[in-house]
Amino acid sequence: MELEEFAAANAPEDGTERFQLENSKLLDVDLDGSAMLKAGSMVAYTGDVTFTGKGSAEGGITGFLKEKATGEGTPVMEAEGTGHVYVADQGKEIQVLDLDPGQRLSVNGNDVLAFESRVDYEIGTVGSLGATMSGGLTNVFLEGPGSVAITTHGDPLVLTPPVNTDPDATVAWSGSLSPSASVNRSLSDMIGQSSDERYQLEFTGTDGFVIVQPYEETQPQSQ
């Protein structure tokens, strides 16, 4: 391929969407105001853009810095200005979802890439699961309206409850669900008591959905 052909074939595409996929692993955020991004996800930007670290459940910028230093939690940053910000996360696949007003989604902290500033968010642990599972389970609770981008290792699978899932393979679930921790004794006997795989997320009821990926993404360990 000629150099000019290569450049033209891989140039950003024009579009009208605020969140637009340039390919399955690269998101173009058309910025005119502000958007929330996973800290460290920016690979390039054009225009006049500034980035500011945001606090989480730890509280304020101190919490953000602590998380960044230890790997705990889910540090996010706010991009403000006018231009295009290109974000990605370790070559993972990107899924763009549109939340209607009042629609809620709980996403594993490892798997949140970006969301519009108008989306309400809170970062915290999921019920008592953090005390049950080694390293805890940090999630971002998102509520629409607005667009959100999440990441998956490979193509996701969407399941309806009742269902049990491996916490390290669980990406997100609809806000109507509230999982509990369960222990599969047969797995415990087979793989040993020291393995986190003996713990499962148990989703009950008949409403909502759970998103899983074909990959076990280990939770960051508490320091």
C-alpha atoms as a PDB file:
ATOM      1  CA  MET A   1       0.000   0.000   0.000  1.00  0.00           C
ATOM      2  CA  GLU A   2       1.281   3.449  -0.926  1.00  0.00           C
ATOM      3  CA  LEU A   3       1.970   5.812   1.967  1.00  0.00           C
ATOM      4  CA  GLU A   4      -0.754   8.216   0.841  1.00  0.00           C
ATOM      5  CA  GLU A   5      -3.250   5.352   0.552  1.00  0.00           C
ATOM      6  CA  PHE A   6      -2.345   4.127   4.036  1.00  0.00           C
ATOM      7  CA  ALA A   7      -2.834   7.598   5.518  1.00  0.00           C
ATOM      8  CA  ALA A   8      -6.183   8.077   3.794  1.00  0.00           C
ATOM      9  CA  ALA A   9      -7.462   4.611   4.713  1.00  0.00           C
ATOM     10  CA  ASN A  10      -6.716   5.123   8.402  1.00  0.00           C
ATOM     11  CA  ALA A  11      -7.691   8.774   8.812  1.00  0.00           C
ATOM     12  CA  PRO A  12     -10.511   9.638  11.273  1.00  0.00           C
ATOM     13  CA  GLU A  13     -13.970   9.365   9.798  1.00  0.00           C
ATOM     14  CA  ASP A  14     -16.411  12.251   9.792  1.00  0.00           C
ATOM     15  CA  GLY A  15     -19.476  11.669  11.925  1.00  0.00           C
ATOM     16  CA  THR A  16     -22.184  13.333  13.948  1.00  0.00           C
ATOM     17  CA  GLU A  17     -22.070  11.131  17.042  1.00  0.00           C
ATOM     18  CA  ARG A  18     -20.518  12.412  20.270  1.00  0.00           C
ATOM     19  CA  PHE A  19     -18.955   8.973  20.823  1.00  0.00           C
ATOM     20  CA  GLN A  20     -17.824   7.381  17.548  1.00  0.00           C
ATOM     21  CA  LEU A  21     -15.769   4.235  17.024  1.00  0.00           C
ATOM     22  CA  GLU A  22     -12.862   4.732  14.649  1.00  0.00           C
ATOM     23  CA  ASN A  23     -12.395   0.970  14.880  1.00  0.00           C
ATOM     24  CA  SER A  24     -13.395  -1.705  17.376  1.00  0.00           C
ATOM     25  CA  LYS A  25     -10.589  -0.694  19.764  1.00  0.00           C
ATOM     26  CA  LEU A  26     -10.384   3.088  19.395  1.00  0.00           C
ATOM     27  CA  LEU A  27     -13.008   5.640  20.424  1.00  0.00           C
ATOM     28  CA  ASP A  28     -13.266   9.202  19.098  1.00  0.00           C
ATOM     29  CA  VAL A  29     -14.866  11.567  21.613  1.00  0.00           C
ATOM     30  CA  ASP A  30     -16.130  14.650  19.789  1.00  0.00           C
ATOM     31  CA  LEU A  31     -15.597  17.141  22.578  1.00  0.00           C
ATOM     32  CA  ASP A  32     -17.548  20.381  22.844  1.00  0.00           C
ATOM     33  CA  GLY A  33     -17.712  20.944  26.573  1.00  0.00           C
ATOM     34  CA  SER A  34     -16.585  18.043  28.752  1.00  0.00           C
ATOM     35  CA  ALA A  35     -16.528  14.261  29.042  1.00  0.00           C
ATOM     36  CA  MET A  36     -15.321  11.770  31.644  1.00  0.00           C
ATOM     37  CA  LEU A  37     -12.522   9.380  30.636  1.00  0.00           C
ATOM     38  CA  LYS A  38     -10.640   6.537  32.280  1.00  0.00           C
ATOM     39  CA  ALA A  39      -7.362   7.971  33.541  1.00  0.00           C
ATOM     40  CA  GLY A  40      -4.535   7.078  31.191  1.00  0.00           C
ATOM     41  CA  SER A  41      -6.810   6.144  28.273  1.00  0.00           C
ATOM     42  CA  MET A  42      -6.016   9.138  26.035  1.00  0.00           C
ATOM     43  CA  VAL A  43      -3.855   8.208  23.052  1.00  0.00           C
ATOM     44  CA  ALA A  44      -4.189  11.473  21.082  1.00  0.00           C
ATOM     45  CA  TYR A  45      -6.238  14.646  20.880  1.00  0.00           C
ATOM     46  CA  THR A  46      -6.783  17.655  18.653  1.00  0.00           C
ATOM     47  CA  GLY A  47      -7.997  21.137  19.507  1.00  0.00           C
ATOM     48  CA  ASP A  48      -7.892  22.945  22.838  1.00  0.00           C
ATOM     49  CA  VAL A  49      -8.392  20.347  25.582  1.00  0.00           C
ATOM     50  CA  THR A  50      -7.430  20.227  29.264  1.00  0.00           C
ATOM     51  CA  PHE A  51      -7.497  17.194  31.556  1.00  0.00           C
ATOM     52  CA  THR A  52      -8.314  17.207  35.266  1.00  0.00           C
ATOM     53  CA  GLY A  53      -8.205  14.318  37.724  1.00  0.00           C
ATOM     54  CA  LYS A  54     -11.496  13.652  39.494  1.00  0.00           C
ATOM     55  CA  GLY A  55     -12.124  12.137  42.914  1.00  0.00           C
ATOM     56  CA  SER A  56     -14.070   8.971  43.637  1.00  0.00           C
ATOM     57  CA  ALA A  57     -15.638   7.322  46.649  1.00  0.00           C
ATOM     58  CA  GLU A  58     -12.368   8.002  48.497  1.00  0.00           C
ATOM     59  CA  GLY A  59     -13.258  11.714  48.326  1.00  0.00           C
ATOM     60  CA  GLY A  60     -11.649  14.618  46.490  1.00  0.00           C
ATOM     61  CA  ILE A  61      -8.385  14.768  44.622  1.00  0.00           C
ATOM     62  CA  THR A  62      -6.600  13.006  47.511  1.00  0.00           C
ATOM     63  CA  GLY A  63      -8.601   9.882  46.787  1.00  0.00           C
ATOM     64  CA  PHE A  64      -7.763  10.133  43.107  1.00  0.00           C
ATOM     65  CA  LEU A  65      -4.038  10.371  43.796  1.00  0.00           C
ATOM     66  CA  LYS A  66      -4.153   7.466  46.256  1.00  0.00           C
ATOM     67  CA  GLU A  67      -5.880   5.280  43.697  1.00  0.00           C
ATOM     68  CA  LYS A  68      -3.422   6.240  40.988  1.00  0.00           C
ATOM     69  CA  ALA A  69      -0.487   5.375  43.229  1.00  0.00           C
ATOM     70  CA  THR A  70      -1.804   2.044  44.511  1.00  0.00           C
ATOM     71  CA  GLY A  71      -3.890   0.746  41.619  1.00  0.00           C
ATOM     72  CA  GLU A  72      -7.006   0.691  43.788  1.00  0.00           C
ATOM     73  CA  GLY A  73     -10.369   1.969  42.656  1.00  0.00           C
ATOM     74  CA  THR A  74     -11.169   3.566  39.330  1.00  0.00           C
ATOM     75  CA  PRO A  75      -9.453   6.913  38.730  1.00  0.00           C
ATOM     76  CA  VAL A  76     -11.164   9.030  36.087  1.00  0.00           C
ATOM     77  CA  MET A  77     -10.298  12.318  34.458  1.00  0.00           C
ATOM     78  CA  GLU A  78     -12.418  15.063  32.965  1.00  0.00           C
ATOM     79  CA  ALA A  79     -11.563  16.308  29.486  1.00  0.00           C
ATOM     80  CA  GLU A  80     -12.734  19.872  28.856  1.00  0.00           C
ATOM     81  CA  GLY A  81     -12.585  22.043  25.765  1.00  0.00           C
ATOM     82  CA  THR A  82     -13.196  21.730  22.055  1.00  0.00           C
ATOM     83  CA  GLY A  83     -11.710  19.102  19.771  1.00  0.00           C
ATOM     84  CA  HIS A  84     -11.413  15.360  19.410  1.00  0.00           C
ATOM     85  CA  VAL A  85     -10.016  13.053  22.099  1.00  0.00           C
ATOM     86  CA  TYR A  86      -9.035   9.535  21.050  1.00  0.00           C
ATOM     87  CA  VAL A  87      -9.133   6.926  23.819  1.00  0.00           C
ATOM     88  CA  ALA A  88      -8.351   3.211  24.090  1.00  0.00           C
ATOM     89  CA  ASP A  89      -7.515   0.657  26.780  1.00  0.00           C
ATOM     90  CA  GLN A  90      -4.899  -2.031  26.197  1.00  0.00           C
ATOM     91  CA  GLY A  91      -6.348  -3.096  22.854  1.00  0.00           C
ATOM     92  CA  LYS A  92      -9.693  -4.128  24.360  1.00  0.00           C
ATOM     93  CA  GLU A  93     -12.906  -4.081  22.339  1.00  0.00           C
ATOM     94  CA  ILE A  94     -15.097  -1.018  22.892  1.00  0.00           C
ATOM     95  CA  GLN A  95     -18.879  -1.092  23.264  1.00  0.00           C
ATOM     96  CA  VAL A  96     -20.814   2.201  23.088  1.00  0.00           C
ATOM     97  CA  LEU A  97     -24.157   2.184  24.923  1.00  0.00           C
ATOM     98  CA  ASP A  98     -26.816   4.888  25.142  1.00  0.00           C
ATOM     99  CA  LEU A  99     -28.609   5.232  28.473  1.00  0.00           C
ATOM    100  CA  ASP A 100     -32.112   6.704  28.554  1.00  0.00           C
ATOM    101  CA  PRO A 101     -33.130   9.001  31.413  1.00  0.00           C
ATOM    102  CA  GLY A 102     -33.209   6.954  34.608  1.00  0.00           C
ATOM    103  CA  GLN A 103     -31.562   3.895  33.055  1.00  0.00           C
ATOM    104  CA  ARG A 104     -28.756   2.570  35.248  1.00  0.00           C
ATOM    105  CA  LEU A 105     -25.741   0.396  34.568  1.00  0.00           C
ATOM    106  CA  SER A 106     -23.185  -0.965  37.021  1.00  0.00           C
ATOM    107  CA  VAL A 107     -19.795  -1.505  35.361  1.00  0.00           C
ATOM    108  CA  ASN A 108     -16.641  -3.181  36.638  1.00  0.00           C
ATOM    109  CA  GLY A 109     -14.121  -0.432  37.338  1.00  0.00           C
ATOM    110  CA  ASN A 110     -11.597  -2.041  34.977  1.00  0.00           C
ATOM    111  CA  ASP A 111     -14.040  -1.818  32.097  1.00  0.00           C
ATOM    112  CA  VAL A 112     -15.234   1.808  32.113  1.00  0.00           C
ATOM    113  CA  LEU A 113     -13.615   3.788  29.282  1.00  0.00           C
ATOM    114  CA  ALA A 114     -15.649   6.996  28.895  1.00  0.00           C
ATOM    115  CA  PHE A 115     -19.014   8.584  29.547  1.00  0.00           C
ATOM    116  CA  GLU A 116     -20.685  11.904  28.938  1.00  0.00           C
ATOM    117  CA  SER A 117     -20.478  14.421  31.764  1.00  0.00           C
ATOM    118  CA  ARG A 118     -24.261  14.559  31.991  1.00  0.00           C
ATOM    119  CA  VAL A 119     -24.272  10.896  33.096  1.00  0.00           C
ATOM    120  CA  ASP A 120     -24.462  10.635  36.890  1.00  0.00           C
ATOM    121  CA  TYR A 121     -21.746   8.410  38.329  1.00  0.00           C
ATOM    122  CA  GLU A 122     -20.574   7.031  41.637  1.00  0.00           C
ATOM    123  CA  ILE A 123     -17.573   4.815  42.316  1.00  0.00           C
ATOM    124  CA  GLY A 124     -17.728   2.274  45.120  1.00  0.00           C
ATOM    125  CA  THR A 125     -17.706  -1.363  46.126  1.00  0.00           C
ATOM    126  CA  VAL A 126     -20.651  -3.629  45.402  1.00  0.00           C
ATOM    127  CA  GLY A 127     -22.518  -4.280  48.629  1.00  0.00           C
ATOM    128  CA  SER A 128     -20.641  -6.727  50.862  1.00  0.00           C
ATOM    129  CA  LEU A 129     -18.824  -8.365  47.965  1.00  0.00           C
ATOM    130  CA  GLY A 130     -15.664  -6.371  48.626  1.00  0.00           C
ATOM    131  CA  ALA A 131     -15.334  -7.990  52.033  1.00  0.00           C
ATOM    132  CA  THR A 132     -16.011 -11.440  50.616  1.00  0.00           C
ATOM    133  CA  MET A 133     -13.660 -11.474  47.646  1.00  0.00           C
ATOM    134  CA  SER A 134      -9.942 -10.877  47.698  1.00  0.00           C
ATOM    135  CA  GLY A 135      -9.139  -7.426  46.344  1.00  0.00           C
ATOM    136  CA  GLY A 136     -12.753  -6.301  46.480  1.00  0.00           C
ATOM    137  CA  LEU A 137     -15.064  -5.515  43.591  1.00  0.00           C
ATOM    138  CA  THR A 138     -14.984  -1.847  42.573  1.00  0.00           C
ATOM    139  CA  ASN A 139     -17.750  -0.744  40.228  1.00  0.00           C
ATOM    140  CA  VAL A 140     -18.873   2.477  38.600  1.00  0.00           C
ATOM    141  CA  PHE A 141     -22.603   3.091  38.935  1.00  0.00           C
ATOM    142  CA  LEU A 142     -23.854   5.065  35.923  1.00  0.00           C
ATOM    143  CA  GLU A 143     -27.278   6.631  35.377  1.00  0.00           C
ATOM    144  CA  GLY A 144     -28.559   8.197  32.158  1.00  0.00           C
ATOM    145  CA  PRO A 145     -29.271  10.047  30.080  1.00  0.00           C
ATOM    146  CA  GLY A 146     -26.097   9.915  28.030  1.00  0.00           C
ATOM    147  CA  SER A 147     -23.606   7.747  26.185  1.00  0.00           C
ATOM    148  CA  VAL A 148     -21.124   5.453  27.908  1.00  0.00           C
ATOM    149  CA  ALA A 149     -18.272   3.390  26.497  1.00  0.00           C
ATOM    150  CA  ILE A 150     -17.193   0.152  28.149  1.00  0.00           C
ATOM    151  CA  THR A 151     -14.447  -2.287  27.191  1.00  0.00           C
ATOM    152  CA  THR A 152     -14.327  -6.054  26.874  1.00  0.00           C
ATOM    153  CA  HIS A 153     -11.662  -8.614  26.105  1.00  0.00           C
ATOM    154  CA  GLY A 154     -13.231 -10.099  22.985  1.00  0.00           C
ATOM    155  CA  ASP A 155     -16.903 -10.078  22.076  1.00  0.00           C
ATOM    156  CA  PRO A 156     -19.278  -9.840  25.055  1.00  0.00           C
ATOM    157  CA  LEU A 157     -22.036 -12.250  25.988  1.00  0.00           C
ATOM    158  CA  VAL A 158     -25.287 -10.862  27.460  1.00  0.00           C
ATOM    159  CA  LEU A 159     -27.154 -13.187  29.818  1.00  0.00           C
ATOM    160  CA  THR A 160     -30.472 -12.882  31.627  1.00  0.00           C
ATOM    161  CA  PRO A 161     -30.902 -14.025  35.234  1.00  0.00           C
ATOM    162  CA  PRO A 162     -31.001 -16.287  37.042  1.00  0.00           C
ATOM    163  CA  VAL A 163     -27.300 -16.796  36.351  1.00  0.00           C
ATOM    164  CA  ASN A 164     -24.003 -17.212  38.230  1.00  0.00           C
ATOM    165  CA  THR A 165     -20.863 -15.598  36.854  1.00  0.00           C
ATOM    166  CA  ASP A 166     -17.143 -15.469  37.577  1.00  0.00           C
ATOM    167  CA  PRO A 167     -16.478 -11.998  39.072  1.00  0.00           C
ATOM    168  CA  ASP A 168     -13.287 -11.621  37.004  1.00  0.00           C
ATOM    169  CA  ALA A 169     -15.224 -12.239  33.768  1.00  0.00           C
ATOM    170  CA  THR A 170     -18.197 -10.038  34.695  1.00  0.00           C
ATOM    171  CA  VAL A 171     -18.165  -6.670  32.917  1.00  0.00           C
ATOM    172  CA  ALA A 172     -21.472  -5.022  33.832  1.00  0.00           C
ATOM    173  CA  TRP A 173     -25.112  -5.494  34.756  1.00  0.00           C
ATOM    174  CA  SER A 174     -28.293  -3.475  34.509  1.00  0.00           C
ATOM    175  CA  GLY A 175     -29.182  -1.274  37.455  1.00  0.00           C
ATOM    176  CA  SER A 176     -32.233  -3.334  38.376  1.00  0.00           C
ATOM    177  CA  LEU A 177     -29.970  -6.180  39.538  1.00  0.00           C
ATOM    178  CA  SER A 178     -28.102  -6.544  42.820  1.00  0.00           C
ATOM    179  CA  PRO A 179     -25.801  -9.578  42.885  1.00  0.00           C
ATOM    180  CA  SER A 180     -24.854 -11.550  45.958  1.00  0.00           C
ATOM    181  CA  ALA A 181     -21.746 -13.628  46.574  1.00  0.00           C
ATOM    182  CA  SER A 182     -22.073 -17.394  46.495  1.00  0.00           C
ATOM    183  CA  VAL A 183     -19.639 -20.280  46.782  1.00  0.00           C
ATOM    184  CA  ASN A 184     -19.730 -23.251  44.469  1.00  0.00           C
ATOM    185  CA  ARG A 185     -18.542 -26.100  46.677  1.00  0.00           C
ATOM    186  CA  SER A 186     -17.718 -28.377  43.751  1.00  0.00           C
ATOM    187  CA  LEU A 187     -15.398 -25.715  42.331  1.00  0.00           C
ATOM    188  CA  SER A 188     -13.834 -25.252  45.759  1.00  0.00           C
ATOM    189  CA  ASP A 189     -13.095 -28.956  46.019  1.00  0.00           C
ATOM    190  CA  MET A 190     -11.725 -29.139  42.487  1.00  0.00           C
ATOM    191  CA  ILE A 191      -9.488 -26.071  42.323  1.00  0.00           C
ATOM    192  CA  GLY A 192      -8.642 -25.560  45.987  1.00  0.00           C
ATOM    193  CA  GLN A 193      -9.742 -23.207  48.726  1.00  0.00           C
ATOM    194  CA  SER A 194      -7.082 -20.630  47.869  1.00  0.00           C
ATOM    195  CA  SER A 195      -8.548 -19.800  44.466  1.00  0.00           C
ATOM    196  CA  ASP A 196     -10.918 -16.866  43.992  1.00  0.00           C
ATOM    197  CA  GLU A 197     -12.794 -18.907  41.391  1.00  0.00           C
ATOM    198  CA  ARG A 198     -14.742 -20.551  44.177  1.00  0.00           C
ATOM    199  CA  TYR A 199     -16.606 -17.240  44.580  1.00  0.00           C
ATOM    200  CA  GLN A 200     -19.413 -16.506  42.146  1.00  0.00           C
ATOM    201  CA  LEU A 201     -21.730 -13.557  41.523  1.00  0.00           C
ATOM    202  CA  GLU A 202     -25.295 -14.774  41.852  1.00  0.00           C
ATOM    203  CA  PHE A 203     -27.949 -12.835  39.929  1.00  0.00           C
ATOM    204  CA  THR A 204     -31.538 -13.748  40.717  1.00  0.00           C
ATOM    205  CA  GLY A 205     -34.934 -12.669  39.426  1.00  0.00           C
ATOM    206  CA  THR A 206     -36.176 -12.446  35.862  1.00  0.00           C
ATOM    207  CA  ASP A 207     -35.444  -8.825  34.913  1.00  0.00           C
ATOM    208  CA  GLY A 208     -32.312  -7.164  33.605  1.00  0.00           C
ATOM    209  CA  PHE A 209     -29.142  -8.532  32.034  1.00  0.00           C
ATOM    210  CA  VAL A 210     -25.517  -9.336  32.817  1.00  0.00           C
ATOM    211  CA  ILE A 211     -22.560  -8.720  30.471  1.00  0.00           C
ATOM    212  CA  VAL A 212     -19.640 -11.164  30.605  1.00  0.00           C
ATOM    213  CA  GLN A 213     -16.457 -11.459  28.558  1.00  0.00           C
ATOM    214  CA  PRO A 214     -14.381 -14.479  27.454  1.00  0.00           C
ATOM    215  CA  TYR A 215     -11.539 -13.455  29.742  1.00  0.00           C
ATOM    216  CA  GLU A 216     -10.818 -13.358  33.482  1.00  0.00           C
ATOM    217  CA  GLU A 217      -9.599  -9.877  34.378  1.00  0.00           C
ATOM    218  CA  THR A 218      -8.083 -10.043  37.866  1.00  0.00           C
ATOM    219  CA  GLN A 219      -9.228  -7.360  40.283  1.00  0.00           C
ATOM    220  CA  PRO A 220      -6.536  -5.002  41.614  1.00  0.00           C
ATOM    221  CA  GLN A 221      -5.341  -6.124  45.034  1.00  0.00           C
ATOM    222  CA  SER A 222      -5.752  -3.861  48.049  1.00  0.00           C
ATOM    223  CA  GLN A 223      -2.555  -2.427  49.463  1.00  0.00           C
END
